[in-house]
Protein backbone atom coordinates (compact mmCIF):
# COMPACT_ATOMS: atom_id res chain seq x y z
CA MET A 1 126.88 3.97 -135.35
CA ASP A 2 128.22 2.28 -132.17
CA THR A 3 126.88 3.12 -128.86
CA ASP A 4 130.37 4.82 -127.69
CA THR A 5 129.59 7.37 -130.52
CA VAL A 6 126.08 8.05 -129.59
CA THR A 7 126.83 8.46 -125.69
CA LYS A 8 129.78 10.73 -126.54
CA ARG A 9 127.30 12.93 -128.57
CA GLU A 10 124.70 12.91 -125.93
CA LYS A 11 127.16 13.82 -123.19
CA ARG A 12 128.78 16.70 -125.25
CA PRO A 13 126.98 17.63 -128.52
CA GLU A 14 129.73 19.19 -130.87
CA ARG A 15 127.02 21.51 -132.87
CA GLY A 16 124.37 23.58 -131.69
CA PRO A 17 120.63 23.42 -133.04
CA ASP A 18 121.97 25.63 -136.15
CA GLY A 19 124.56 23.31 -137.15
CA ARG A 20 127.26 25.65 -136.07
CA PHE A 21 130.25 24.21 -133.62
CA LEU A 22 129.49 24.92 -130.01
CA LEU A 23 132.09 26.93 -127.95
CA GLY A 24 134.70 24.74 -126.72
CA ASN A 25 134.91 22.54 -129.57
CA SER A 26 138.84 21.71 -130.33
CA GLY A 27 137.90 22.16 -134.02
CA GLY A 28 140.14 19.12 -135.36
CA PRO A 29 143.60 18.26 -135.42
CA GLY A 30 144.65 21.36 -137.33
CA ASN A 31 147.68 21.37 -139.75
CA PRO A 32 150.40 18.87 -138.76
CA TYR A 33 153.17 20.92 -140.41
CA GLY A 34 151.98 24.59 -139.56
CA ARG A 35 154.44 25.27 -137.07
CA ARG A 36 157.07 24.22 -139.00
CA VAL A 37 156.04 26.26 -141.91
CA ALA A 38 156.05 29.18 -139.27
CA GLU A 39 159.62 28.33 -138.28
CA LEU A 40 160.53 28.20 -141.96
CA ARG A 41 158.92 31.68 -142.56
CA SER A 42 160.51 33.39 -139.61
CA ALA A 43 163.99 32.17 -140.79
CA ILE A 44 163.42 33.50 -144.20
CA LEU A 45 162.05 36.71 -142.84
CA GLU A 46 164.79 37.13 -140.53
CA ALA A 47 167.60 36.36 -143.49
CA VAL A 48 166.38 38.55 -146.07
CA THR A 49 166.80 42.06 -145.27
CA PRO A 50 165.01 44.77 -147.47
CA GLU A 51 168.31 45.66 -149.31
CA ILE A 52 168.67 41.97 -150.26
CA MET A 53 164.84 42.02 -151.04
CA ARG A 54 165.86 45.02 -153.33
CA ALA A 55 168.62 43.64 -155.14
CA ILE A 56 166.53 40.47 -156.11
CA VAL A 57 163.99 42.78 -157.30
CA ASP A 58 166.56 44.66 -159.49
CA GLY A 59 168.34 41.62 -160.54
CA LEU A 60 164.89 40.35 -161.89
CA VAL A 61 163.76 43.83 -163.65
CA MET A 62 167.20 43.61 -165.38
CA ALA A 63 166.86 40.18 -166.23
CA ALA A 64 163.23 41.03 -167.85
CA ARG A 65 164.73 43.91 -169.55
CA GLU A 66 167.48 41.66 -171.29
CA GLY A 67 164.59 39.38 -172.65
CA ASP A 68 164.32 36.94 -170.10
CA CYS A 69 160.53 36.18 -170.57
CA ALA A 70 160.06 34.18 -167.14
CA ALA A 71 161.69 37.05 -165.41
CA ALA A 72 159.56 39.67 -167.48
CA LYS A 73 156.44 37.45 -166.64
CA LEU A 74 157.07 37.49 -162.74
CA VAL A 75 158.18 41.07 -162.95
CA LEU A 76 154.30 41.98 -164.44
CA SER A 77 152.55 39.63 -162.77
CA TYR A 78 153.34 40.74 -159.48
CA THR A 79 153.22 44.58 -160.66
CA LEU A 80 150.27 44.78 -162.89
CA GLY A 81 148.41 41.35 -161.75
CA PRO A 82 147.42 38.46 -164.03
CA PRO A 83 146.05 39.11 -167.39
CA VAL A 84 142.60 39.38 -167.89
CA ALA A 85 141.12 37.40 -170.80
CA ALA A 86 140.75 39.44 -173.96
CA ASP A 87 137.15 37.92 -174.68
CA ILE A 88 135.84 38.59 -171.59
CA LEU A 89 132.90 40.90 -172.91
CA GLU A 90 132.07 38.51 -175.56
CA ARG A 91 131.56 35.75 -172.99
CA LEU A 92 129.41 37.83 -170.73
CA GLU A 93 127.21 38.65 -173.53
CA ALA A 94 126.76 35.07 -174.55
CA LEU A 95 126.11 34.20 -171.00
CA GLU A 96 123.52 36.73 -170.82
CA GLN A 97 121.81 35.44 -173.72
CA ARG A 98 121.89 31.94 -172.74
CA LEU A 99 120.30 32.96 -169.58
CA GLU A 100 117.59 34.89 -171.37
CA THR A 101 116.62 32.06 -173.30
CA GLN A 102 116.25 29.89 -170.31
CA ALA A 103 114.01 32.26 -168.52
């Protein structure tokens, strides 16, 4: 470490004795694109009305009913959530047995 870094830390430590950042710490540079992303999200929210969103969802549901697998997957994942692994119980039992043999 150079002496400038040590001197800066001695003048104003960034962390307390417990390792947490002290009050007044700048917290780093942040996300350089955060403000732009927020502007874009605001623009989308202003442009998409509840009626437009309803039309989009109705179109997705109709496409799913007509056999569009991608549309069906999207509709199901947003209404029912992601699919659960069918063998979850078997994997849990195997893990329990492995832990019992290690103990």
